[in-house]
């Protein structure tokens, strides 16, 4: 039964990695384009916002993985 649980965790991790990568790519490209278009001091604000969004995306996706892991471990305990 533990093997089945381990097997189901792998696709979740892989798909979460792909989703995180796609989200970071979109945010990074949008921030870069917007920062270049705006230019000057507002570009610094765009840079900070892009950085904050990137950290938020990473923390959210790590939180989802941790919650899934905790839930899975609680289900497998006798």
PDB file of N, CA and C in Angstrom:
ATOM      1  N   UNK A   1       0.828  -1.192   0.000  1.00  0.00           N
ATOM      2  CA  UNK A   1       0.000   0.000   0.000  1.00  0.00           C
ATOM      3  C   UNK A   1       0.868   1.250   0.000  1.00  0.00           C
ATOM      4  N   UNK A   2       2.018   1.197   0.677  1.00  0.00           N
ATOM      5  CA  UNK A   2       2.933   2.337   0.703  1.00  0.00           C
ATOM      6  C   UNK A   2       3.509   2.588  -0.683  1.00  0.00           C
ATOM      7  N   UNK A   3       3.700   1.491  -1.468  1.00  0.00           N
ATOM      8  CA  UNK A   3       4.216   1.663  -2.827  1.00  0.00           C
ATOM      9  C   UNK A   3       3.235   2.427  -3.698  1.00  0.00           C
ATOM     10  N   UNK A   4       1.963   2.164  -3.532  1.00  0.00           N
ATOM     11  CA  UNK A   4       0.947   2.875  -4.321  1.00  0.00           C
ATOM     12  C   UNK A   4       0.922   4.352  -3.944  1.00  0.00           C
ATOM     13  N   UNK A   5       1.103   4.639  -2.668  1.00  0.00           N
ATOM     14  CA  UNK A   5       1.110   6.038  -2.234  1.00  0.00           C
ATOM     15  C   UNK A   5       2.343   6.753  -2.767  1.00  0.00           C
ATOM     16  N   UNK A   6       3.491   6.080  -2.755  1.00  0.00           N
ATOM     17  CA  UNK A   6       4.708   6.684  -3.279  1.00  0.00           C
ATOM     18  C   UNK A   6       4.602   6.912  -4.782  1.00  0.00           C
ATOM     19  N   UNK A   7       3.968   5.986  -5.475  1.00  0.00           N
ATOM     20  CA  UNK A   7       3.796   6.131  -6.915  1.00  0.00           C
ATOM     21  C   UNK A   7       2.894   7.296  -7.285  1.00  0.00           C
ATOM     22  N   UNK A   8       1.888   7.565  -6.455  1.00  0.00           N
ATOM     23  CA  UNK A   8       0.979   8.674  -6.761  1.00  0.00           C
ATOM     24  C   UNK A   8       1.598  10.015  -6.403  1.00  0.00           C
ATOM     25  N   UNK A   9       2.597  10.021  -5.517  1.00  0.00           N
ATOM     26  CA  UNK A   9       3.238  11.280  -5.130  1.00  0.00           C
ATOM     27  C   UNK A   9       4.159  11.794  -6.230  1.00  0.00           C
ATOM     28  N   UNK A  10       4.774  10.900  -6.989  1.00  0.00           N
ATOM     29  CA  UNK A  10       5.721  11.320  -8.021  1.00  0.00           C
ATOM     30  C   UNK A  10       5.082  12.176  -9.108  1.00  0.00           C
ATOM     31  N   UNK A  11       3.950  11.768  -9.696  1.00  0.00           N
ATOM     32  CA  UNK A  11       3.347  12.624 -10.717  1.00  0.00           C
ATOM     33  C   UNK A  11       2.925  13.988 -10.171  1.00  0.00           C
ATOM     34  N   UNK A  12       2.479  14.047  -8.920  1.00  0.00           N
ATOM     35  CA  UNK A  12       2.104  15.329  -8.334  1.00  0.00           C
ATOM     36  C   UNK A  12       3.311  16.247  -8.229  1.00  0.00           C
ATOM     37  N   UNK A  13       4.445  15.702  -7.834  1.00  0.00           N
ATOM     38  CA  UNK A  13       5.658  16.499  -7.719  1.00  0.00           C
ATOM     39  C   UNK A  13       6.106  16.985  -9.090  1.00  0.00           C
ATOM     40  N   UNK A  14       6.113  16.099 -10.051  1.00  0.00           N
ATOM     41  CA  UNK A  14       6.531  16.479 -11.403  1.00  0.00           C
ATOM     42  C   UNK A  14       5.631  17.529 -12.022  1.00  0.00           C
ATOM     43  N   UNK A  15       4.332  17.355 -11.872  1.00  0.00           N
ATOM     44  CA  UNK A  15       3.410  18.328 -12.450  1.00  0.00           C
ATOM     45  C   UNK A  15       3.496  19.661 -11.723  1.00  0.00           C
ATOM     46  N   UNK A  16       3.725  19.621 -10.407  1.00  0.00           N
ATOM     47  CA  UNK A  16       3.862  20.866  -9.646  1.00  0.00           C
ATOM     48  C   UNK A  16       5.133  21.606 -10.056  1.00  0.00           C
ATOM     49  N   UNK A  17       6.198  20.872 -10.364  1.00  0.00           N
ATOM     50  CA  UNK A  17       7.439  21.497 -10.835  1.00  0.00           C
ATOM     51  C   UNK A  17       7.211  22.179 -12.172  1.00  0.00           C
ATOM     52  N   UNK A  18       6.507  21.508 -13.073  1.00  0.00           N
ATOM     53  CA  UNK A  18       6.232  22.089 -14.388  1.00  0.00           C
ATOM     54  C   UNK A  18       5.351  23.326 -14.262  1.00  0.00           C
ATOM     55  N   UNK A  19       4.336  23.259 -13.423  1.00  0.00           N
ATOM     56  CA  UNK A  19       3.445  24.405 -13.221  1.00  0.00           C
ATOM     57  C   UNK A  19       4.220  25.578 -12.627  1.00  0.00           C
ATOM     58  N   UNK A  20       5.069  25.298 -11.641  1.00  0.00           N
ATOM     59  CA  UNK A  20       5.872  26.357 -11.025  1.00  0.00           C
ATOM     60  C   UNK A  20       6.798  26.995 -12.050  1.00  0.00           C
ATOM     61  N   UNK A  21       7.449  26.175 -12.860  1.00  0.00           N
ATOM     62  CA  UNK A  21       8.350  26.685 -13.891  1.00  0.00           C
ATOM     63  C   UNK A  21       7.589  27.568 -14.876  1.00  0.00           C
ATOM     64  N   UNK A  22       6.418  27.122 -15.305  1.00  0.00           N
ATOM     65  CA  UNK A  22       5.617  27.914 -16.254  1.00  0.00           C
ATOM     66  C   UNK A  22       5.182  29.242 -15.633  1.00  0.00           C
ATOM     67  N   UNK A  23       4.738  29.209 -14.385  1.00  0.00           N
ATOM     68  CA  UNK A  23       4.312  30.444 -13.719  1.00  0.00           C
ATOM     69  C   UNK A  23       5.477  31.414 -13.567  1.00  0.00           C
ATOM     70  N   UNK A  24       6.641  30.914 -13.167  1.00  0.00           N
ATOM     71  CA  UNK A  24       7.811  31.777 -13.014  1.00  0.00           C
ATOM     72  C   UNK A  24       8.262  32.352 -14.353  1.00  0.00           C
ATOM     73  N   UNK A  25       8.163  31.552 -15.411  1.00  0.00           N
ATOM     74  CA  UNK A  25       8.535  32.031 -16.740  1.00  0.00           C
ATOM     75  C   UNK A  25       7.613  33.152 -17.191  1.00  0.00           C
ATOM     76  N   UNK A  26       6.320  32.977 -17.003  1.00  0.00           N
ATOM     77  CA  UNK A  26       5.355  34.000 -17.408  1.00  0.00           C
ATOM     78  C   UNK A  26       5.564  35.289 -16.608  1.00  0.00           C
ATOM     79  N   UNK A  27       5.712  35.167 -15.298  1.00  0.00           N
ATOM     80  CA  UNK A  27       5.907  36.352 -14.456  1.00  0.00           C
ATOM     81  C   UNK A  27       7.218  37.047 -14.810  1.00  0.00           C
ATOM     82  N   UNK A  28       8.280  36.283 -15.020  1.00  0.00           N
ATOM     83  CA  UNK A  28       9.575  36.867 -15.358  1.00  0.00           C
ATOM     84  C   UNK A  28       9.556  37.592 -16.692  1.00  0.00           C
ATOM     85  N   UNK A  29       8.954  36.961 -17.698  1.00  0.00           N
ATOM     86  CA  UNK A  29       8.872  37.604 -19.011  1.00  0.00           C
ATOM     87  C   UNK A  29       7.993  38.849 -18.976  1.00  0.00           C
ATOM     88  N   UNK A  30       6.865  38.744 -18.305  1.00  0.00           N
ATOM     89  CA  UNK A  30       5.966  39.910 -18.214  1.00  0.00           C
ATOM     90  C   UNK A  30       6.641  41.048 -17.451  1.00  0.00           C
ATOM     91  N   UNK A  31       7.324  40.725 -16.367  1.00  0.00           N
ATOM     92  CA  UNK A  31       8.027  41.752 -15.607  1.00  0.00           C
ATOM     93  C   UNK A  31       9.148  42.381 -16.407  1.00  0.00           C
ATOM     94  N   UNK A  32       9.884  41.574 -17.155  1.00  0.00           N
ATOM     95  CA  UNK A  32      10.962  42.089 -17.990  1.00  0.00           C
ATOM     96  C   UNK A  32      10.458  42.994 -19.092  1.00  0.00           C
ATOM     97  N   UNK A  33       9.390  42.578 -19.744  1.00  0.00           N
ATOM     98  CA  UNK A  33       8.815  43.395 -20.825  1.00  0.00           C
ATOM     99  C   UNK A  33       8.255  44.692 -20.275  1.00  0.00           C
ATOM    100  N   UNK A  34       7.509  44.586 -19.170  1.00  0.00           N
ATOM    101  CA  UNK A  34       6.928  45.789 -18.571  1.00  0.00           C
ATOM    102  C   UNK A  34       8.012  46.729 -18.047  1.00  0.00           C
ATOM    103  N   UNK A  35       9.034  46.186 -17.402  1.00  0.00           N
ATOM    104  CA  UNK A  35      10.118  47.009 -16.877  1.00  0.00           C
ATOM    105  C   UNK A  35      10.888  47.711 -17.978  1.00  0.00           C
ATOM    106  N   UNK A  36      11.110  47.021 -19.079  1.00  0.00           N
ATOM    107  CA  UNK A  36      11.813  47.624 -20.202  1.00  0.00           C
ATOM    108  C   UNK A  36      10.961  48.691 -20.864  1.00  0.00           C
ATOM    109  N   UNK A  37       9.679  48.448 -20.976  1.00  0.00           N
ATOM    110  CA  UNK A  37       8.766  49.406 -21.598  1.00  0.00           C
ATOM    111  C   UNK A  37       8.648  50.676 -20.758  1.00  0.00           C
ATOM    112  N   UNK A  38       8.508  50.510 -19.457  1.00  0.00           N
ATOM    113  CA  UNK A  38       8.320  51.661 -18.571  1.00  0.00           C
ATOM    114  C   UNK A  38       9.618  52.442 -18.434  1.00  0.00           C
ATOM    115  N   UNK A  39      10.714  51.762 -18.108  1.00  0.00           N
ATOM    116  CA  UNK A  39      12.018  52.405 -17.966  1.00  0.00           C
ATOM    117  C   UNK A  39      12.083  53.347 -16.776  1.00  0.00           C
ATOM    118  N   UNK A  40      13.286  53.795 -16.464  1.00  0.00           N
ATOM    119  CA  UNK A  40      13.475  54.756 -15.387  1.00  0.00           C
ATOM    120  C   UNK A  40      13.167  54.187 -14.016  1.00  0.00           C
ATOM    121  N   UNK A  41      12.876  55.075 -13.064  1.00  0.00           N
ATOM    122  CA  UNK A  41      12.593  54.644 -11.688  1.00  0.00           C
ATOM    123  C   UNK A  41      11.386  53.698 -11.556  1.00  0.00           C
ATOM    124  N   UNK A  42      10.322  53.865 -12.370  1.00  0.00           N
ATOM    125  CA  UNK A  42       9.224  52.895 -12.251  1.00  0.00           C
ATOM    126  C   UNK A  42       9.640  51.460 -12.602  1.00  0.00           C
ATOM    127  N   UNK A  43      10.687  51.321 -13.400  1.00  0.00           N
ATOM    128  CA  UNK A  43      11.172  49.979 -13.732  1.00  0.00           C
ATOM    129  C   UNK A  43      11.684  49.270 -12.489  1.00  0.00           C
ATOM    130  N   UNK A  44      12.224  50.016 -11.540  1.00  0.00           N
ATOM    131  CA  UNK A  44      12.683  49.425 -10.278  1.00  0.00           C
ATOM    132  C   UNK A  44      11.503  48.869  -9.489  1.00  0.00           C
ATOM    133  N   UNK A  45      10.397  49.596  -9.502  1.00  0.00           N
ATOM    134  CA  UNK A  45       9.187  49.117  -8.825  1.00  0.00           C
ATOM    135  C   UNK A  45       8.687  47.842  -9.503  1.00  0.00           C
ATOM    136  N   UNK A  46       8.730  47.803 -10.820  1.00  0.00           N
ATOM    137  CA  UNK A  46       8.320  46.603 -11.556  1.00  0.00           C
ATOM    138  C   UNK A  46       9.249  45.444 -11.212  1.00  0.00           C
ATOM    139  N   UNK A  47      10.536  45.720 -11.106  1.00  0.00           N
ATOM    140  CA  UNK A  47      11.506  44.686 -10.733  1.00  0.00           C
ATOM    141  C   UNK A  47      11.182  44.120  -9.349  1.00  0.00           C
ATOM    142  N   UNK A  48      10.934  45.010  -8.386  1.00  0.00           N
ATOM    143  CA  UNK A  48      10.604  44.548  -7.038  1.00  0.00           C
ATOM    144  C   UNK A  48       9.298  43.749  -7.028  1.00  0.00           C
ATOM    145  N   UNK A  49       8.305  44.196  -7.776  1.00  0.00           N
ATOM    146  CA  UNK A  49       7.028  43.476  -7.843  1.00  0.00           C
ATOM    147  C   UNK A  49       7.216  42.097  -8.479  1.00  0.00           C
ATOM    148  N   UNK A  50       8.035  42.028  -9.527  1.00  0.00           N
ATOM    149  CA  UNK A  50       8.300  40.748 -10.177  1.00  0.00           C
ATOM    150  C   UNK A  50       9.007  39.798  -9.221  1.00  0.00           C
ATOM    151  N   UNK A  51       9.966  40.320  -8.468  1.00  0.00           N
ATOM    152  CA  UNK A  51      10.673  39.500  -7.489  1.00  0.00           C
ATOM    153  C   UNK A  51       9.721  39.003  -6.404  1.00  0.00           C
ATOM    154  N   UNK A  52       8.867  39.891  -5.918  1.00  0.00           N
ATOM    155  CA  UNK A  52       7.899  39.515  -4.886  1.00  0.00           C
ATOM    156  C   UNK A  52       6.930  38.456  -5.408  1.00  0.00           C
ATOM    157  N   UNK A  53       6.455  38.607  -6.620  1.00  0.00           N
ATOM    158  CA  UNK A  53       5.561  37.610  -7.211  1.00  0.00           C
ATOM    159  C   UNK A  53       6.266  36.264  -7.382  1.00  0.00           C
ATOM    160  N   UNK A  54       7.519  36.299  -7.790  1.00  0.00           N
ATOM    161  CA  UNK A  54       8.271  35.051  -7.967  1.00  0.00           C
ATOM    162  C   UNK A  54       8.429  34.311  -6.644  1.00  0.00           C
ATOM    163  N   UNK A  55       8.762  35.033  -5.594  1.00  0.00           N
ATOM    164  CA  UNK A  55       8.888  34.409  -4.274  1.00  0.00           C
ATOM    165  C   UNK A  55       7.533  33.874  -3.818  1.00  0.00           C
ATOM    166  N   UNK A  56       6.479  34.629  -4.064  1.00  0.00           N
ATOM    167  CA  UNK A  56       5.138  34.172  -3.706  1.00  0.00           C
ATOM    168  C   UNK A  56       4.751  32.895  -4.428  1.00  0.00           C
ATOM    169  N   UNK A  57       5.090  32.806  -5.702  1.00  0.00           N
ATOM    170  CA  UNK A  57       4.791  31.601  -6.482  1.00  0.00           C
ATOM    171  C   UNK A  57       5.553  30.409  -5.917  1.00  0.00           C
ATOM    172  N   UNK A  58       6.828  30.596  -5.628  1.00  0.00           N
ATOM    173  CA  UNK A  58       7.617  29.498  -5.065  1.00  0.00           C
ATOM    174  C   UNK A  58       7.067  29.041  -3.718  1.00  0.00           C
ATOM    175  N   UNK A  59       6.773  29.986  -2.833  1.00  0.00           N
ATOM    176  CA  UNK A  59       6.256  29.617  -1.511  1.00  0.00           C
ATOM    177  C   UNK A  59       4.894  28.939  -1.602  1.00  0.00           C
ATOM    178  N   UNK A  60       4.038  29.422  -2.484  1.00  0.00           N
ATOM    179  CA  UNK A  60       2.722  28.799  -2.645  1.00  0.00           C
ATOM    180  C   UNK A  60       2.859  27.352  -3.109  1.00  0.00           C
ATOM    181  N   UNK A  61       3.698  27.130  -4.116  1.00  0.00           N
ATOM    182  CA  UNK A  61       3.825  25.778  -4.651  1.00  0.00           C
ATOM    183  C   UNK A  61       4.509  24.835  -3.673  1.00  0.00           C
ATOM    184  N   UNK A  62       5.466  25.316  -2.903  1.00  0.00           N
ATOM    185  CA  UNK A  62       6.072  24.488  -1.860  1.00  0.00           C
ATOM    186  C   UNK A  62       5.029  24.158  -0.798  1.00  0.00           C
ATOM    187  N   UNK A  63       4.190  25.137  -0.440  1.00  0.00           N
ATOM    188  CA  UNK A  63       3.135  24.906   0.538  1.00  0.00           C
ATOM    189  C   UNK A  63       2.172  23.817   0.054  1.00  0.00           C
ATOM    190  N   UNK A  64       1.806  23.857  -1.207  1.00  0.00           N
ATOM    191  CA  UNK A  64       0.902  22.841  -1.753  1.00  0.00           C
ATOM    192  C   UNK A  64       1.537  21.456  -1.641  1.00  0.00           C
ATOM    193  N   UNK A  65       2.825  21.355  -1.983  1.00  0.00           N
ATOM    194  CA  UNK A  65       3.500  20.060  -1.901  1.00  0.00           C
ATOM    195  C   UNK A  65       3.595  19.568  -0.469  1.00  0.00           C
ATOM    196  N   UNK A  66       3.888  20.453   0.468  1.00  0.00           N
ATOM    197  CA  UNK A  66       3.984  20.057   1.883  1.00  0.00           C
ATOM    198  C   UNK A  66       2.617  19.607   2.393  1.00  0.00           C
ATOM    199  N   UNK A  67       1.564  20.332   2.056  1.00  0.00           N
ATOM    200  CA  UNK A  67       0.223  19.950   2.492  1.00  0.00           C
ATOM    201  C   UNK A  67      -0.178  18.586   1.937  1.00  0.00           C
ATOM    202  N   UNK A  68       0.150  18.332   0.666  1.00  0.00           N
ATOM    203  CA  UNK A  68      -0.157  17.018   0.082  1.00  0.00           C
ATOM    204  C   UNK A  68       0.615  15.920   0.794  1.00  0.00           C
ATOM    205  N   UNK A  69       1.874  16.190   1.104  1.00  0.00           N
ATOM    206  CA  UNK A  69       2.698  15.193   1.784  1.00  0.00           C
ATOM    207  C   UNK A  69       2.153  14.890   3.180  1.00  0.00           C
ATOM    208  N   UNK A  70       1.784  15.921   3.918  1.00  0.00           N
ATOM    209  CA  UNK A  70       1.239  15.731   5.264  1.00  0.00           C
ATOM    210  C   UNK A  70      -0.074  14.958   5.201  1.00  0.00           C
ATOM    211  N   UNK A  71      -0.936  15.330   4.280  1.00  0.00           N
ATOM    212  CA  UNK A  71      -2.218  14.636   4.135  1.00  0.00           C
ATOM    213  C   UNK A  71      -2.007  13.173   3.779  1.00  0.00           C
ATOM    214  N   UNK A  72      -1.062  12.909   2.880  1.00  0.00           N
ATOM    215  CA  UNK A  72      -0.786  11.540   2.469  1.00  0.00           C
ATOM    216  C   UNK A  72      -0.218  10.729   3.639  1.00  0.00           C
ATOM    217  N   UNK A  73       0.650  11.322   4.425  1.00  0.00           N
ATOM    218  CA  UNK A  73       1.231  10.606   5.560  1.00  0.00           C
ATOM    219  C   UNK A  73       0.166  10.318   6.622  1.00  0.00           C
ATOM    220  N   UNK A  74      -0.752  11.260   6.824  1.00  0.00           N
ATOM    221  CA  UNK A  74      -1.813  11.029   7.811  1.00  0.00           C
ATOM    222  C   UNK A  74      -2.753   9.919   7.369  1.00  0.00           C
ATOM    223  N   UNK A  75      -2.970   9.788   6.071  1.00  0.00           N
ATOM    224  CA  UNK A  75      -3.842   8.714   5.565  1.00  0.00           C
ATOM    225  C   UNK A  75      -3.181   7.345   5.723  1.00  0.00           C
ATOM    226  N   UNK A  76      -1.856   7.299   5.617  1.00  0.00           N
ATOM    227  CA  UNK A  76      -1.130   6.015   5.667  1.00  0.00           C
ATOM    228  C   UNK A  76      -0.846   5.545   7.080  1.00  0.00           C
ATOM    229  N   UNK A  77      -1.032   6.411   8.102  1.00  0.00           N
ATOM    230  CA  UNK A  77      -0.778   5.990   9.477  1.00  0.00           C
ATOM    231  C   UNK A  77      -1.899   5.085   9.964  1.00  0.00           C
ATOM    232  N   UNK A  78      -1.537   4.075  10.764  1.00  0.00           N
ATOM    233  CA  UNK A  78      -2.580   3.163  11.285  1.00  0.00           C
ATOM    234  C   UNK A  78      -3.404   3.792  12.365  1.00  0.00           C
TER     235      UNK A  78
END
